[in-house]
């Protein structure tokens, strides 16, 4: 099976364009970038900070927290399903 070649996909996050490479669906990568951009804009409005790196870290922490909570819920649901 031939490996799919990576393509460059320009995305904009918090005012900066990043030329990212993906061997997956470019639209999915754009969707992820839009999610991060939206989250960073939300964090910047709540913190009133103008520091891009600080906003990025706070946004990453919030997204990681959301992921961990969803993962915990998912794992608990799987455990309940396995009990039946």
PDB file of N, CA and C in Angstrom:
ATOM      1  N   UNK A   1       0.842  -1.177   0.000  1.00  0.00           N
ATOM      2  CA  UNK A   1       0.000   0.000   0.000  1.00  0.00           C
ATOM      3  C   UNK A   1       0.890   1.244   0.000  1.00  0.00           C
ATOM      4  N   UNK A   2       0.611   2.172  -0.893  1.00  0.00           N
ATOM      5  CA  UNK A   2       1.399   3.390  -1.017  1.00  0.00           C
ATOM      6  C   UNK A   2       0.989   4.404   0.051  1.00  0.00           C
ATOM      7  N   UNK A   3       1.994   4.978   0.713  1.00  0.00           N
ATOM      8  CA  UNK A   3       1.731   5.965   1.750  1.00  0.00           C
ATOM      9  C   UNK A   3       1.258   7.259   1.109  1.00  0.00           C
ATOM     10  N   UNK A   4       0.212   7.846   1.686  1.00  0.00           N
ATOM     11  CA  UNK A   4      -0.335   9.096   1.184  1.00  0.00           C
ATOM     12  C   UNK A   4       0.672  10.218   1.441  1.00  0.00           C
ATOM     13  N   UNK A   5       0.907  11.028   0.431  1.00  0.00           N
ATOM     14  CA  UNK A   5       1.878  12.111   0.557  1.00  0.00           C
ATOM     15  C   UNK A   5       1.288  13.281   1.343  1.00  0.00           C
ATOM     16  N   UNK A   6       2.090  13.853   2.225  1.00  0.00           N
ATOM     17  CA  UNK A   6       1.643  14.993   3.028  1.00  0.00           C
ATOM     18  C   UNK A   6       1.510  16.227   2.144  1.00  0.00           C
ATOM     19  N   UNK A   7       0.484  17.010   2.437  1.00  0.00           N
ATOM     20  CA  UNK A   7       0.299  18.265   1.717  1.00  0.00           C
ATOM     21  C   UNK A   7       0.342  19.421   2.709  1.00  0.00           C
ATOM     22  N   UNK A   8       0.717  20.576   2.210  1.00  0.00           N
ATOM     23  CA  UNK A   8       0.803  21.762   3.052  1.00  0.00           C
ATOM     24  C   UNK A   8      -0.548  22.460   3.051  1.00  0.00           C
ATOM     25  N   UNK A   9      -1.030  22.769   4.254  1.00  0.00           N
ATOM     26  CA  UNK A   9      -2.316  23.428   4.423  1.00  0.00           C
ATOM     27  C   UNK A   9      -2.097  24.685   5.265  1.00  0.00           C
ATOM     28  N   UNK A  10      -2.293  25.870   4.676  1.00  0.00           N
ATOM     29  CA  UNK A  10      -2.153  27.086   5.473  1.00  0.00           C
ATOM     30  C   UNK A  10      -3.387  27.300   6.352  1.00  0.00           C
ATOM     31  N   UNK A  11      -3.165  27.507   7.639  1.00  0.00           N
ATOM     32  CA  UNK A  11      -4.266  27.800   8.560  1.00  0.00           C
ATOM     33  C   UNK A  11      -3.906  29.045   9.358  1.00  0.00           C
ATOM     34  N   UNK A  12      -4.935  29.779   9.762  1.00  0.00           N
ATOM     35  CA  UNK A  12      -4.702  30.972  10.576  1.00  0.00           C
ATOM     36  C   UNK A  12      -5.224  30.729  11.977  1.00  0.00           C
ATOM     37  N   UNK A  13      -4.339  30.965  12.939  1.00  0.00           N
ATOM     38  CA  UNK A  13      -4.703  30.824  14.348  1.00  0.00           C
ATOM     39  C   UNK A  13      -4.253  32.081  15.079  1.00  0.00           C
ATOM     40  N   UNK A  14      -5.213  32.783  15.625  1.00  0.00           N
ATOM     41  CA  UNK A  14      -4.979  33.974  16.428  1.00  0.00           C
ATOM     42  C   UNK A  14      -4.110  35.005  15.690  1.00  0.00           C
ATOM     43  N   UNK A  15      -4.443  35.195  14.409  1.00  0.00           N
ATOM     44  CA  UNK A  15      -3.778  36.224  13.616  1.00  0.00           C
ATOM     45  C   UNK A  15      -2.483  35.817  12.950  1.00  0.00           C
ATOM     46  N   UNK A  16      -2.048  34.599  13.136  1.00  0.00           N
ATOM     47  CA  UNK A  16      -0.809  34.124  12.522  1.00  0.00           C
ATOM     48  C   UNK A  16      -1.134  32.953  11.595  1.00  0.00           C
ATOM     49  N   UNK A  17      -0.558  32.990  10.407  1.00  0.00           N
ATOM     50  CA  UNK A  17      -0.764  31.902   9.464  1.00  0.00           C
ATOM     51  C   UNK A  17       0.332  30.864   9.640  1.00  0.00           C
ATOM     52  N   UNK A  18      -0.077  29.612   9.732  1.00  0.00           N
ATOM     53  CA  UNK A  18       0.852  28.497   9.897  1.00  0.00           C
ATOM     54  C   UNK A  18       0.710  27.559   8.697  1.00  0.00           C
ATOM     55  N   UNK A  19       1.804  27.281   7.990  1.00  0.00           N
ATOM     56  CA  UNK A  19       1.744  26.302   6.897  1.00  0.00           C
ATOM     57  C   UNK A  19       1.965  24.898   7.467  1.00  0.00           C
ATOM     58  N   UNK A  20       0.883  24.225   7.793  1.00  0.00           N
ATOM     59  CA  UNK A  20       0.970  22.910   8.418  1.00  0.00           C
ATOM     60  C   UNK A  20       0.914  21.818   7.354  1.00  0.00           C
ATOM     61  N   UNK A  21       1.503  20.673   7.665  1.00  0.00           N
ATOM     62  CA  UNK A  21       1.493  19.550   6.728  1.00  0.00           C
ATOM     63  C   UNK A  21       0.615  18.436   7.305  1.00  0.00           C
ATOM     64  N   UNK A  22      -0.115  17.792   6.418  1.00  0.00           N
ATOM     65  CA  UNK A  22      -0.955  16.675   6.840  1.00  0.00           C
ATOM     66  C   UNK A  22      -1.023  15.641   5.732  1.00  0.00           C
ATOM     67  N   UNK A  23      -1.093  14.385   6.140  1.00  0.00           N
ATOM     68  CA  UNK A  23      -1.349  13.330   5.163  1.00  0.00           C
ATOM     69  C   UNK A  23      -2.794  12.852   5.310  1.00  0.00           C
ATOM     70  N   UNK A  24      -3.555  13.588   6.108  1.00  0.00           N
ATOM     71  CA  UNK A  24      -4.972  13.301   6.304  1.00  0.00           C
ATOM     72  C   UNK A  24      -5.832  14.288   5.524  1.00  0.00           C
ATOM     73  N   UNK A  25      -7.041  14.465   5.989  1.00  0.00           N
ATOM     74  CA  UNK A  25      -8.004  15.351   5.354  1.00  0.00           C
ATOM     75  C   UNK A  25      -7.664  16.808   5.677  1.00  0.00           C
ATOM     76  N   UNK A  26      -7.352  17.629   4.669  1.00  0.00           N
ATOM     77  CA  UNK A  26      -7.023  19.030   4.930  1.00  0.00           C
ATOM     78  C   UNK A  26      -8.180  19.800   5.575  1.00  0.00           C
ATOM     79  N   UNK A  27      -9.415  19.430   5.253  1.00  0.00           N
ATOM     80  CA  UNK A  27     -10.567  20.112   5.850  1.00  0.00           C
ATOM     81  C   UNK A  27     -10.663  19.825   7.345  1.00  0.00           C
ATOM     82  N   UNK A  28     -10.272  18.633   7.746  1.00  0.00           N
ATOM     83  CA  UNK A  28     -10.266  18.292   9.171  1.00  0.00           C
ATOM     84  C   UNK A  28      -9.225  19.143   9.906  1.00  0.00           C
ATOM     85  N   UNK A  29      -8.057  19.307   9.304  1.00  0.00           N
ATOM     86  CA  UNK A  29      -7.016  20.139   9.899  1.00  0.00           C
ATOM     87  C   UNK A  29      -7.488  21.585  10.016  1.00  0.00           C
ATOM     88  N   UNK A  30      -8.161  22.075   8.992  1.00  0.00           N
ATOM     89  CA  UNK A  30      -8.705  23.443   9.038  1.00  0.00           C
ATOM     90  C   UNK A  30      -9.743  23.584  10.151  1.00  0.00           C
ATOM     91  N   UNK A  31     -10.557  22.539  10.319  1.00  0.00           N
ATOM     92  CA  UNK A  31     -11.567  22.542  11.383  1.00  0.00           C
ATOM     93  C   UNK A  31     -10.908  22.619  12.760  1.00  0.00           C
ATOM     94  N   UNK A  32      -9.841  21.837  12.956  1.00  0.00           N
ATOM     95  CA  UNK A  32      -9.116  21.874  14.230  1.00  0.00           C
ATOM     96  C   UNK A  32      -8.508  23.250  14.473  1.00  0.00           C
ATOM     97  N   UNK A  33      -7.903  23.826  13.434  1.00  0.00           N
ATOM     98  CA  UNK A  33      -7.288  25.144  13.559  1.00  0.00           C
ATOM     99  C   UNK A  33      -8.339  26.195  13.914  1.00  0.00           C
ATOM    100  N   UNK A  34      -9.516  26.102  13.301  1.00  0.00           N
ATOM    101  CA  UNK A  34     -10.602  27.046  13.597  1.00  0.00           C
ATOM    102  C   UNK A  34     -11.040  26.907  15.043  1.00  0.00           C
ATOM    103  N   UNK A  35     -11.094  25.666  15.538  1.00  0.00           N
ATOM    104  CA  UNK A  35     -11.469  25.431  16.925  1.00  0.00           C
ATOM    105  C   UNK A  35     -10.456  26.082  17.877  1.00  0.00           C
ATOM    106  N   UNK A  36      -9.180  25.901  17.598  1.00  0.00           N
ATOM    107  CA  UNK A  36      -8.130  26.493  18.433  1.00  0.00           C
ATOM    108  C   UNK A  36      -8.195  28.017  18.352  1.00  0.00           C
ATOM    109  N   UNK A  37      -8.376  28.553  17.148  1.00  0.00           N
ATOM    110  CA  UNK A  37      -8.470  30.002  16.955  1.00  0.00           C
ATOM    111  C   UNK A  37      -9.634  30.576  17.761  1.00  0.00           C
ATOM    112  N   UNK A  38     -10.782  29.951  17.663  1.00  0.00           N
ATOM    113  CA  UNK A  38     -11.965  30.415  18.397  1.00  0.00           C
ATOM    114  C   UNK A  38     -11.728  30.363  19.900  1.00  0.00           C
ATOM    115  N   UNK A  39     -11.110  29.294  20.353  1.00  0.00           N
ATOM    116  CA  UNK A  39     -10.851  29.141  21.795  1.00  0.00           C
ATOM    117  C   UNK A  39      -9.856  30.199  22.279  1.00  0.00           C
ATOM    118  N   UNK A  40      -8.818  30.448  21.494  1.00  0.00           N
ATOM    119  CA  UNK A  40      -7.839  31.468  21.895  1.00  0.00           C
ATOM    120  C   UNK A  40      -8.479  32.855  21.942  1.00  0.00           C
ATOM    121  N   UNK A  41      -9.351  33.155  20.998  1.00  0.00           N
ATOM    122  CA  UNK A  41     -10.041  34.453  21.004  1.00  0.00           C
ATOM    123  C   UNK A  41     -10.930  34.580  22.231  1.00  0.00           C
ATOM    124  N   UNK A  42     -11.594  33.499  22.605  1.00  0.00           N
ATOM    125  CA  UNK A  42     -12.431  33.503  23.799  1.00  0.00           C
ATOM    126  C   UNK A  42     -11.595  33.732  25.053  1.00  0.00           C
ATOM    127  N   UNK A  43     -10.470  33.043  25.148  1.00  0.00           N
ATOM    128  CA  UNK A  43      -9.580  33.206  26.306  1.00  0.00           C
ATOM    129  C   UNK A  43      -9.062  34.638  26.373  1.00  0.00           C
ATOM    130  N   UNK A  44      -8.688  35.203  25.227  1.00  0.00           N
ATOM    131  CA  UNK A  44      -8.136  36.567  25.233  1.00  0.00           C
ATOM    132  C   UNK A  44      -9.169  37.584  25.695  1.00  0.00           C
ATOM    133  N   UNK A  45     -10.440  37.361  25.372  1.00  0.00           N
ATOM    134  CA  UNK A  45     -11.494  38.282  25.819  1.00  0.00           C
ATOM    135  C   UNK A  45     -11.732  38.167  27.319  1.00  0.00           C
ATOM    136  N   UNK A  46     -11.601  36.954  27.842  1.00  0.00           N
ATOM    137  CA  UNK A  46     -11.836  36.755  29.276  1.00  0.00           C
ATOM    138  C   UNK A  46     -10.662  37.197  30.128  1.00  0.00           C
ATOM    139  N   UNK A  47      -9.444  37.087  29.613  1.00  0.00           N
ATOM    140  CA  UNK A  47      -8.270  37.404  30.425  1.00  0.00           C
ATOM    141  C   UNK A  47      -7.771  38.814  30.187  1.00  0.00           C
ATOM    142  N   UNK A  48      -8.211  39.406  29.093  1.00  0.00           N
ATOM    143  CA  UNK A  48      -7.749  40.748  28.705  1.00  0.00           C
ATOM    144  C   UNK A  48      -6.229  40.794  28.551  1.00  0.00           C
ATOM    145  N   UNK A  49      -5.666  39.671  28.160  1.00  0.00           N
ATOM    146  CA  UNK A  49      -4.228  39.584  27.936  1.00  0.00           C
ATOM    147  C   UNK A  49      -3.943  39.750  26.452  1.00  0.00           C
ATOM    148  N   UNK A  50      -2.821  40.379  26.141  1.00  0.00           N
ATOM    149  CA  UNK A  50      -2.418  40.562  24.752  1.00  0.00           C
ATOM    150  C   UNK A  50      -1.234  39.680  24.392  1.00  0.00           C
ATOM    151  N   UNK A  51      -0.812  38.846  25.317  1.00  0.00           N
ATOM    152  CA  UNK A  51       0.326  37.967  25.096  1.00  0.00           C
ATOM    153  C   UNK A  51      -0.135  36.693  24.390  1.00  0.00           C
ATOM    154  N   UNK A  52       0.240  36.554  23.113  1.00  0.00           N
ATOM    155  CA  UNK A  52      -0.140  35.375  22.341  1.00  0.00           C
ATOM    156  C   UNK A  52       0.280  34.069  22.986  1.00  0.00           C
ATOM    157  N   UNK A  53       1.554  33.965  23.424  1.00  0.00           N
ATOM    158  CA  UNK A  53       1.977  32.706  24.066  1.00  0.00           C
ATOM    159  C   UNK A  53       1.186  32.390  25.339  1.00  0.00           C
ATOM    160  N   UNK A  54       0.906  33.397  26.138  1.00  0.00           N
ATOM    161  CA  UNK A  54       0.136  33.185  27.381  1.00  0.00           C
ATOM    162  C   UNK A  54      -1.282  32.716  27.038  1.00  0.00           C
ATOM    163  N   UNK A  55      -1.899  33.370  26.074  1.00  0.00           N
ATOM    164  CA  UNK A  55      -3.245  32.993  25.657  1.00  0.00           C
ATOM    165  C   UNK A  55      -3.237  31.573  25.102  1.00  0.00           C
ATOM    166  N   UNK A  56      -2.206  31.238  24.329  1.00  0.00           N
ATOM    167  CA  UNK A  56      -2.085  29.891  23.776  1.00  0.00           C
ATOM    168  C   UNK A  56      -1.981  28.829  24.846  1.00  0.00           C
ATOM    169  N   UNK A  57      -1.200  29.109  25.870  1.00  0.00           N
ATOM    170  CA  UNK A  57      -1.041  28.148  26.968  1.00  0.00           C
ATOM    171  C   UNK A  57      -2.346  27.997  27.732  1.00  0.00           C
ATOM    172  N   UNK A  58      -3.015  29.105  28.034  1.00  0.00           N
ATOM    173  CA  UNK A  58      -4.290  29.028  28.754  1.00  0.00           C
ATOM    174  C   UNK A  58      -5.334  28.279  27.926  1.00  0.00           C
ATOM    175  N   UNK A  59      -5.380  28.538  26.633  1.00  0.00           N
ATOM    176  CA  UNK A  59      -6.323  27.832  25.756  1.00  0.00           C
ATOM    177  C   UNK A  59      -5.995  26.342  25.714  1.00  0.00           C
ATOM    178  N   UNK A  60      -4.706  26.014  25.619  1.00  0.00           N
ATOM    179  CA  UNK A  60      -4.298  24.606  25.591  1.00  0.00           C
ATOM    180  C   UNK A  60      -4.686  23.901  26.890  1.00  0.00           C
ATOM    181  N   UNK A  61      -4.520  24.578  28.023  1.00  0.00           N
ATOM    182  CA  UNK A  61      -4.896  23.985  29.310  1.00  0.00           C
ATOM    183  C   UNK A  61      -6.400  23.738  29.377  1.00  0.00           C
ATOM    184  N   UNK A  62      -7.195  24.707  28.894  1.00  0.00           N
ATOM    185  CA  UNK A  62      -8.645  24.527  28.904  1.00  0.00           C
ATOM    186  C   UNK A  62      -9.070  23.381  27.991  1.00  0.00           C
ATOM    187  N   UNK A  63      -8.468  23.292  26.809  1.00  0.00           N
ATOM    188  CA  UNK A  63      -8.793  22.207  25.884  1.00  0.00           C
ATOM    189  C   UNK A  63      -8.356  20.851  26.447  1.00  0.00           C
ATOM    190  N   UNK A  64      -7.203  20.816  27.113  1.00  0.00           N
ATOM    191  CA  UNK A  64      -6.732  19.577  27.733  1.00  0.00           C
ATOM    192  C   UNK A  64      -7.669  19.149  28.866  1.00  0.00           C
ATOM    193  N   UNK A  65      -8.147  20.122  29.640  1.00  0.00           N
ATOM    194  CA  UNK A  65      -9.098  19.832  30.713  1.00  0.00           C
ATOM    195  C   UNK A  65     -10.387  19.255  30.143  1.00  0.00           C
ATOM    196  N   UNK A  66     -10.881  19.871  29.078  1.00  0.00           N
ATOM    197  CA  UNK A  66     -12.099  19.381  28.431  1.00  0.00           C
ATOM    198  C   UNK A  66     -11.901  17.960  27.903  1.00  0.00           C
ATOM    199  N   UNK A  67     -10.756  17.715  27.283  1.00  0.00           N
ATOM    200  CA  UNK A  67     -10.451  16.372  26.773  1.00  0.00           C
ATOM    201  C   UNK A  67     -10.421  15.352  27.906  1.00  0.00           C
ATOM    202  N   UNK A  68      -9.741  15.680  29.002  1.00  0.00           N
ATOM    203  CA  UNK A  68      -9.612  14.736  30.119  1.00  0.00           C
ATOM    204  C   UNK A  68     -10.970  14.417  30.736  1.00  0.00           C
ATOM    205  N   UNK A  69     -11.838  15.421  30.849  1.00  0.00           N
ATOM    206  CA  UNK A  69     -13.175  15.180  31.388  1.00  0.00           C
ATOM    207  C   UNK A  69     -13.979  14.274  30.451  1.00  0.00           C
ATOM    208  N   UNK A  70     -13.895  14.531  29.149  1.00  0.00           N
ATOM    209  CA  UNK A  70     -14.599  13.691  28.186  1.00  0.00           C
ATOM    210  C   UNK A  70     -14.046  12.271  28.184  1.00  0.00           C
ATOM    211  N   UNK A  71     -12.736  12.134  28.297  1.00  0.00           N
ATOM    212  CA  UNK A  71     -12.097  10.816  28.325  1.00  0.00           C
ATOM    213  C   UNK A  71     -12.536  10.037  29.561  1.00  0.00           C
ATOM    214  N   UNK A  72     -12.599  10.725  30.693  1.00  0.00           N
ATOM    215  CA  UNK A  72     -13.046  10.082  31.937  1.00  0.00           C
ATOM    216  C   UNK A  72     -14.484   9.601  31.788  1.00  0.00           C
ATOM    217  N   UNK A  73     -15.362  10.453  31.249  1.00  0.00           N
ATOM    218  CA  UNK A  73     -16.757  10.065  31.034  1.00  0.00           C
ATOM    219  C   UNK A  73     -16.853   8.870  30.082  1.00  0.00           C
ATOM    220  N   UNK A  74     -16.056   8.894  29.040  1.00  0.00           N
ATOM    221  CA  UNK A  74     -16.050   7.800  28.060  1.00  0.00           C
ATOM    222  C   UNK A  74     -15.592   6.495  28.708  1.00  0.00           C
ATOM    223  N   UNK A  75     -14.505   6.568  29.478  1.00  0.00           N
ATOM    224  CA  UNK A  75     -13.992   5.368  30.146  1.00  0.00           C
ATOM    225  C   UNK A  75     -15.014   4.803  31.135  1.00  0.00           C
ATOM    226  N   UNK A  76     -15.713   5.702  31.858  1.00  0.00           N
ATOM    227  CA  UNK A  76     -16.735   5.252  32.803  1.00  0.00           C
ATOM    228  C   UNK A  76     -17.896   4.599  32.064  1.00  0.00           C
ATOM    229  N   UNK A  77     -18.269   5.156  30.919  1.00  0.00           N
ATOM    230  CA  UNK A  77     -19.352   4.572  30.113  1.00  0.00           C
ATOM    231  C   UNK A  77     -18.954   3.191  29.601  1.00  0.00           C
ATOM    232  N   UNK A  78     -17.716   3.056  29.123  1.00  0.00           N
ATOM    233  CA  UNK A  78     -17.243   1.747  28.681  1.00  0.00           C
ATOM    234  C   UNK A  78     -17.268   0.723  29.814  1.00  0.00           C
ATOM    235  N   UNK A  79     -16.856   1.150  31.003  1.00  0.00           N
ATOM    236  CA  UNK A  79     -16.843   0.241  32.148  1.00  0.00           C
ATOM    237  C   UNK A  79     -18.272  -0.204  32.476  1.00  0.00           C
ATOM    238  N   UNK A  80     -19.225   0.715  32.397  1.00  0.00           N
ATOM    239  CA  UNK A  80     -20.620   0.350  32.658  1.00  0.00           C
ATOM    240  C   UNK A  80     -21.137  -0.632  31.611  1.00  0.00           C
ATOM    241  N   UNK A  81     -20.792  -0.413  30.373  1.00  0.00           N
ATOM    242  CA  UNK A  81     -21.227  -1.307  29.303  1.00  0.00           C
ATOM    243  C   UNK A  81     -20.621  -2.699  29.435  1.00  0.00           C
ATOM    244  N   UNK A  82     -19.378  -2.769  29.913  1.00  0.00           N
ATOM    245  CA  UNK A  82     -18.713  -4.060  30.082  1.00  0.00           C
ATOM    246  C   UNK A  82     -19.308  -4.851  31.245  1.00  0.00           C
ATOM    247  N   UNK A  83     -19.902  -4.167  32.232  1.00  0.00           N
ATOM    248  CA  UNK A  83     -20.511  -4.833  33.378  1.00  0.00           C
ATOM    249  C   UNK A  83     -21.775  -5.587  32.976  1.00  0.00           C
ATOM    250  N   UNK A  84     -22.429  -5.148  31.936  1.00  0.00           N
ATOM    251  CA  UNK A  84     -23.721  -5.753  31.525  1.00  0.00           C
ATOM    252  C   UNK A  84     -23.542  -7.008  30.734  1.00  0.00           C
TER     253      UNK A  84
END
